[in-house]
Amino acid sequence: MDNPNEKAVPESVPTTRELLGQDASKNKSVKNILIVLICLFILSVTAALAYFIGKVRPTQNRDEIGTVRPCTLEAKICPDGSSVGRQGPACEFAECPLSASTESATPVFK
């Protein structure tokens, strides 16, 4: 270093392969973090959609806290002797079926 205009070069200058190897490992970790974040985001969106779809979609009779309350197993005896049970979201009795004997017993006036 006799010349004052010369710059000192460090003895251990990293090679291009060394530099690329360090960047590649950093890129892998960044990619892994991004993949995990994207998966968490997709999972969160899916859970939120399932929650809101479940709240909006009508189901059977629900009580105050939102749990499904099944209909009781009562039966209604129809005039023709058949029976019908409760059904639907309000647990109301189904309509009695019309039978031939019921239709013919009803007078029709013209």
N, C-alpha and C. Protein backbone atom coordinates (compact mmCIF):
# COMPACT_ATOMS: atom_id res chain seq x y z
N MET A 1 0.82 -1.18 0.00
CA MET A 1 0.00 0.00 0.00
C MET A 1 0.86 1.25 0.00
N ASP A 2 1.68 1.27 -0.95
CA ASP A 2 2.55 2.43 -1.05
C ASP A 2 1.81 3.61 -1.64
N ASN A 3 0.87 3.32 -2.49
CA ASN A 3 0.13 4.38 -3.16
C ASN A 3 -1.07 4.78 -2.29
N PRO A 4 -1.21 6.05 -1.92
CA PRO A 4 -2.33 6.47 -1.07
C PRO A 4 -3.68 6.41 -1.79
N ASN A 5 -3.73 6.36 -3.12
CA ASN A 5 -4.99 6.28 -3.86
C ASN A 5 -5.54 4.88 -3.93
N GLU A 6 -4.78 3.87 -3.59
CA GLU A 6 -5.26 2.49 -3.62
C GLU A 6 -6.13 2.23 -2.41
N LYS A 7 -7.19 1.47 -2.64
CA LYS A 7 -8.10 1.12 -1.55
C LYS A 7 -7.72 -0.25 -1.05
N ALA A 8 -7.91 -0.44 0.22
CA ALA A 8 -7.59 -1.73 0.81
C ALA A 8 -8.73 -2.70 0.53
N VAL A 9 -8.36 -3.89 0.07
CA VAL A 9 -9.33 -4.94 -0.23
C VAL A 9 -9.29 -5.94 0.91
N PRO A 10 -10.42 -6.25 1.51
CA PRO A 10 -10.39 -7.23 2.59
C PRO A 10 -9.97 -8.58 2.07
N GLU A 11 -9.35 -9.34 2.92
CA GLU A 11 -8.83 -10.63 2.50
C GLU A 11 -9.92 -11.65 2.23
N SER A 12 -10.98 -11.62 2.98
CA SER A 12 -12.04 -12.61 2.77
C SER A 12 -13.24 -11.96 2.09
N VAL A 13 -13.21 -11.90 0.80
CA VAL A 13 -14.31 -11.37 0.01
C VAL A 13 -15.25 -12.54 -0.31
N PRO A 14 -16.55 -12.43 0.02
CA PRO A 14 -17.46 -13.54 -0.27
C PRO A 14 -17.65 -13.73 -1.76
N THR A 15 -17.73 -14.96 -2.14
CA THR A 15 -17.93 -15.28 -3.56
C THR A 15 -19.41 -15.11 -3.91
N THR A 16 -19.69 -15.13 -5.19
CA THR A 16 -21.07 -14.99 -5.66
C THR A 16 -21.92 -16.15 -5.18
N ARG A 17 -21.37 -17.35 -5.19
CA ARG A 17 -22.12 -18.53 -4.73
C ARG A 17 -22.49 -18.40 -3.25
N GLU A 18 -21.56 -17.91 -2.47
CA GLU A 18 -21.86 -17.72 -1.05
C GLU A 18 -22.98 -16.71 -0.86
N LEU A 19 -22.91 -15.62 -1.61
CA LEU A 19 -23.96 -14.59 -1.51
C LEU A 19 -25.31 -15.14 -1.96
N LEU A 20 -25.33 -15.86 -3.06
CA LEU A 20 -26.59 -16.42 -3.55
C LEU A 20 -27.13 -17.47 -2.61
N GLY A 21 -26.25 -18.25 -2.00
CA GLY A 21 -26.68 -19.26 -1.04
C GLY A 21 -27.36 -18.64 0.16
N GLN A 22 -26.85 -17.53 0.66
CA GLN A 22 -27.47 -16.86 1.79
C GLN A 22 -28.82 -16.27 1.40
N ASP A 23 -28.91 -15.68 0.22
CA ASP A 23 -30.18 -15.12 -0.24
C ASP A 23 -31.21 -16.21 -0.46
N ALA A 24 -30.77 -17.34 -0.98
CA ALA A 24 -31.71 -18.43 -1.24
C ALA A 24 -32.29 -18.95 0.06
N SER A 25 -31.48 -19.07 1.11
CA SER A 25 -32.01 -19.54 2.38
C SER A 25 -32.95 -18.51 2.99
N LYS A 26 -32.64 -17.23 2.81
CA LYS A 26 -33.56 -16.19 3.30
C LYS A 26 -34.86 -16.22 2.51
N ASN A 27 -34.78 -16.44 1.20
CA ASN A 27 -35.98 -16.51 0.37
C ASN A 27 -36.84 -17.70 0.76
N LYS A 28 -36.21 -18.83 1.11
CA LYS A 28 -36.98 -20.00 1.52
C LYS A 28 -37.76 -19.72 2.79
N SER A 29 -37.12 -19.06 3.75
CA SER A 29 -37.82 -18.78 4.99
C SER A 29 -38.94 -17.77 4.77
N VAL A 30 -38.73 -16.80 3.90
CA VAL A 30 -39.78 -15.83 3.59
C VAL A 30 -40.94 -16.53 2.88
N LYS A 31 -40.62 -17.43 1.96
CA LYS A 31 -41.67 -18.17 1.27
C LYS A 31 -42.46 -19.04 2.24
N ASN A 32 -41.78 -19.70 3.15
CA ASN A 32 -42.47 -20.54 4.13
C ASN A 32 -43.40 -19.71 5.02
N ILE A 33 -42.93 -18.54 5.44
CA ILE A 33 -43.77 -17.67 6.26
C ILE A 33 -44.99 -17.21 5.47
N LEU A 34 -44.79 -16.84 4.21
CA LEU A 34 -45.92 -16.42 3.37
C LEU A 34 -46.93 -17.55 3.18
N ILE A 35 -46.45 -18.75 2.96
CA ILE A 35 -47.35 -19.90 2.78
C ILE A 35 -48.17 -20.13 4.03
N VAL A 36 -47.54 -20.05 5.20
CA VAL A 36 -48.27 -20.24 6.46
C VAL A 36 -49.31 -19.13 6.65
N LEU A 37 -48.94 -17.89 6.36
CA LEU A 37 -49.88 -16.79 6.50
C LEU A 37 -51.06 -16.92 5.55
N ILE A 38 -50.80 -17.32 4.32
CA ILE A 38 -51.89 -17.50 3.35
C ILE A 38 -52.81 -18.63 3.80
N CYS A 39 -52.26 -19.72 4.30
CA CYS A 39 -53.09 -20.83 4.79
C CYS A 39 -53.94 -20.39 5.98
N LEU A 40 -53.37 -19.63 6.90
CA LEU A 40 -54.14 -19.13 8.04
C LEU A 40 -55.26 -18.19 7.59
N PHE A 41 -54.98 -17.37 6.60
CA PHE A 41 -56.00 -16.46 6.09
C PHE A 41 -57.15 -17.24 5.46
N ILE A 42 -56.83 -18.24 4.64
CA ILE A 42 -57.86 -19.05 3.99
C ILE A 42 -58.68 -19.80 5.04
N LEU A 43 -58.02 -20.33 6.04
CA LEU A 43 -58.72 -21.03 7.12
C LEU A 43 -59.65 -20.09 7.88
N SER A 44 -59.19 -18.88 8.14
CA SER A 44 -60.02 -17.90 8.85
C SER A 44 -61.25 -17.51 8.04
N VAL A 45 -61.06 -17.28 6.75
CA VAL A 45 -62.19 -16.91 5.89
C VAL A 45 -63.19 -18.05 5.81
N THR A 46 -62.71 -19.28 5.69
CA THR A 46 -63.59 -20.44 5.63
C THR A 46 -64.38 -20.59 6.93
N ALA A 47 -63.72 -20.42 8.07
CA ALA A 47 -64.42 -20.53 9.35
C ALA A 47 -65.46 -19.43 9.51
N ALA A 48 -65.13 -18.22 9.10
CA ALA A 48 -66.09 -17.12 9.20
C ALA A 48 -67.30 -17.36 8.31
N LEU A 49 -67.08 -17.83 7.10
CA LEU A 49 -68.20 -18.12 6.19
C LEU A 49 -69.08 -19.23 6.75
N ALA A 50 -68.48 -20.27 7.27
CA ALA A 50 -69.27 -21.36 7.85
C ALA A 50 -70.10 -20.87 9.03
N TYR A 51 -69.52 -20.00 9.85
CA TYR A 51 -70.24 -19.47 11.00
C TYR A 51 -71.45 -18.64 10.55
N PHE A 52 -71.24 -17.72 9.61
CA PHE A 52 -72.32 -16.84 9.19
C PHE A 52 -73.37 -17.58 8.37
N ILE A 53 -72.97 -18.53 7.56
CA ILE A 53 -73.95 -19.31 6.80
C ILE A 53 -74.80 -20.13 7.76
N GLY A 54 -74.19 -20.67 8.80
CA GLY A 54 -74.93 -21.44 9.79
C GLY A 54 -75.91 -20.59 10.57
N LYS A 55 -75.59 -19.32 10.81
CA LYS A 55 -76.50 -18.44 11.54
C LYS A 55 -77.66 -17.98 10.68
N VAL A 56 -77.43 -17.77 9.39
CA VAL A 56 -78.46 -17.23 8.52
C VAL A 56 -79.42 -18.33 8.08
N ARG A 57 -78.90 -19.51 7.85
CA ARG A 57 -79.71 -20.60 7.32
C ARG A 57 -80.71 -21.08 8.38
N PRO A 58 -82.00 -21.07 8.06
CA PRO A 58 -82.97 -21.50 9.06
C PRO A 58 -82.89 -23.01 9.27
N THR A 59 -83.01 -23.40 10.51
CA THR A 59 -83.04 -24.82 10.85
C THR A 59 -84.30 -25.08 11.65
N GLN A 60 -84.32 -26.21 12.31
CA GLN A 60 -85.47 -26.50 13.13
C GLN A 60 -85.59 -25.49 14.25
N ASN A 61 -86.60 -25.66 15.04
CA ASN A 61 -86.88 -24.76 16.14
C ASN A 61 -85.65 -24.58 17.03
N ARG A 62 -85.26 -23.34 17.29
CA ARG A 62 -84.10 -23.06 18.13
C ARG A 62 -84.56 -22.34 19.39
N ASP A 63 -83.86 -22.60 20.47
CA ASP A 63 -84.19 -21.89 21.70
C ASP A 63 -83.36 -20.61 21.80
N GLU A 64 -83.38 -19.96 22.96
CA GLU A 64 -82.73 -18.65 23.11
C GLU A 64 -81.23 -18.67 22.87
N ILE A 65 -80.56 -19.77 23.22
CA ILE A 65 -79.11 -19.80 23.06
C ILE A 65 -78.68 -20.37 21.71
N GLY A 66 -79.63 -20.69 20.84
CA GLY A 66 -79.30 -21.09 19.49
C GLY A 66 -79.17 -22.58 19.25
N THR A 67 -79.45 -23.40 20.24
CA THR A 67 -79.35 -24.84 20.02
C THR A 67 -80.65 -25.36 19.42
N VAL A 68 -80.55 -26.40 18.63
CA VAL A 68 -81.72 -26.97 17.97
C VAL A 68 -82.54 -27.72 18.99
N ARG A 69 -83.83 -27.44 18.98
CA ARG A 69 -84.75 -28.13 19.88
C ARG A 69 -85.63 -29.03 19.01
N PRO A 70 -85.54 -30.34 19.15
CA PRO A 70 -86.33 -31.23 18.30
C PRO A 70 -87.81 -31.19 18.67
N CYS A 71 -88.65 -31.57 17.71
CA CYS A 71 -90.10 -31.62 17.94
C CYS A 71 -90.43 -32.80 18.85
N THR A 72 -91.51 -32.66 19.60
CA THR A 72 -91.95 -33.76 20.45
C THR A 72 -92.58 -34.86 19.58
N LEU A 73 -92.68 -36.05 20.11
CA LEU A 73 -93.18 -37.19 19.35
C LEU A 73 -94.68 -37.41 19.56
N GLU A 74 -95.44 -36.34 19.64
CA GLU A 74 -96.89 -36.46 19.78
C GLU A 74 -97.49 -36.80 18.42
N ALA A 75 -98.67 -37.38 18.45
CA ALA A 75 -99.38 -37.71 17.22
C ALA A 75 -100.79 -37.16 17.28
N LYS A 76 -101.29 -36.77 16.15
CA LYS A 76 -102.66 -36.28 16.03
C LYS A 76 -103.45 -37.33 15.24
N ILE A 77 -104.59 -37.74 15.77
CA ILE A 77 -105.43 -38.72 15.08
C ILE A 77 -106.36 -37.96 14.14
N CYS A 78 -106.31 -38.32 12.88
CA CYS A 78 -107.14 -37.68 11.86
C CYS A 78 -108.52 -38.34 11.82
N PRO A 79 -109.51 -37.68 11.19
CA PRO A 79 -110.87 -38.24 11.11
C PRO A 79 -110.93 -39.60 10.41
N ASP A 80 -110.03 -39.87 9.50
CA ASP A 80 -110.06 -41.15 8.80
C ASP A 80 -109.34 -42.26 9.59
N GLY A 81 -108.81 -41.95 10.78
CA GLY A 81 -108.16 -42.95 11.61
C GLY A 81 -106.64 -42.96 11.49
N SER A 82 -106.09 -42.28 10.51
CA SER A 82 -104.63 -42.21 10.38
C SER A 82 -104.09 -41.19 11.38
N SER A 83 -102.79 -41.16 11.53
CA SER A 83 -102.18 -40.21 12.46
C SER A 83 -101.07 -39.44 11.76
N VAL A 84 -100.85 -38.21 12.24
CA VAL A 84 -99.78 -37.37 11.70
C VAL A 84 -98.97 -36.84 12.88
N GLY A 85 -97.69 -36.57 12.64
CA GLY A 85 -96.80 -36.06 13.67
C GLY A 85 -96.47 -34.60 13.44
N ARG A 86 -95.67 -34.10 14.35
CA ARG A 86 -95.23 -32.70 14.23
C ARG A 86 -94.08 -32.61 13.24
N GLN A 87 -94.00 -31.47 12.53
CA GLN A 87 -92.93 -31.28 11.55
C GLN A 87 -92.69 -29.80 11.33
N GLY A 88 -91.62 -29.49 10.66
CA GLY A 88 -91.29 -28.11 10.29
C GLY A 88 -90.59 -27.35 11.39
N PRO A 89 -90.17 -26.13 11.08
CA PRO A 89 -89.43 -25.34 12.05
C PRO A 89 -90.27 -24.93 13.26
N ALA A 90 -91.58 -24.85 13.11
CA ALA A 90 -92.44 -24.46 14.23
C ALA A 90 -93.03 -25.67 14.94
N CYS A 91 -92.67 -26.88 14.52
CA CYS A 91 -93.15 -28.13 15.13
C CYS A 91 -94.68 -28.21 15.15
N GLU A 92 -95.31 -27.83 14.05
CA GLU A 92 -96.77 -27.91 13.96
C GLU A 92 -97.16 -29.26 13.40
N PHE A 93 -98.40 -29.69 13.70
CA PHE A 93 -98.89 -30.95 13.16
C PHE A 93 -99.07 -30.84 11.65
N ALA A 94 -98.75 -31.90 10.96
CA ALA A 94 -98.95 -31.95 9.51
C ALA A 94 -100.44 -32.01 9.22
N GLU A 95 -100.82 -31.67 7.99
CA GLU A 95 -102.23 -31.73 7.59
C GLU A 95 -102.67 -33.18 7.49
N CYS A 96 -103.89 -33.43 7.86
CA CYS A 96 -104.44 -34.79 7.73
C CYS A 96 -104.66 -35.09 6.25
N PRO A 97 -104.37 -36.31 5.84
CA PRO A 97 -104.60 -36.65 4.43
C PRO A 97 -106.10 -36.76 4.16
N LEU A 98 -106.47 -36.37 2.93
CA LEU A 98 -107.88 -36.50 2.53
C LEU A 98 -108.11 -37.94 2.09
N SER A 99 -109.16 -38.54 2.62
CA SER A 99 -109.47 -39.91 2.23
C SER A 99 -110.76 -39.93 1.44
N ALA A 100 -111.03 -41.03 0.80
CA ALA A 100 -112.24 -41.16 -0.02
C ALA A 100 -113.48 -41.07 0.86
N SER A 101 -113.46 -41.62 2.07
CA SER A 101 -114.62 -41.59 2.94
C SER A 101 -114.91 -40.17 3.42
N THR A 102 -113.86 -39.38 3.65
CA THR A 102 -114.06 -38.00 4.10
C THR A 102 -114.62 -37.16 2.97
N GLU A 103 -114.15 -37.38 1.75
CA GLU A 103 -114.63 -36.59 0.62
C GLU A 103 -116.08 -36.92 0.29
N SER A 104 -116.46 -38.20 0.36
CA SER A 104 -117.82 -38.56 -0.01
C SER A 104 -118.83 -38.20 1.07
N ALA A 105 -118.37 -38.09 2.34
CA ALA A 105 -119.28 -37.76 3.43
C ALA A 105 -119.61 -36.26 3.45
N THR A 106 -118.81 -35.44 2.80
CA THR A 106 -119.04 -34.01 2.79
C THR A 106 -120.01 -33.69 1.68
N PRO A 107 -121.17 -33.11 1.99
CA PRO A 107 -122.13 -32.79 0.92
C PRO A 107 -121.64 -31.62 0.08
N VAL A 108 -121.93 -31.64 -1.17
CA VAL A 108 -121.56 -30.58 -2.09
C VAL A 108 -122.83 -29.94 -2.59
N PHE A 109 -122.99 -28.65 -2.37
CA PHE A 109 -124.18 -27.92 -2.82
C PHE A 109 -123.84 -27.10 -4.03
N LYS A 110 -124.75 -27.11 -4.99
CA LYS A 110 -124.55 -26.31 -6.21
C LYS A 110 -125.58 -25.27 -6.34
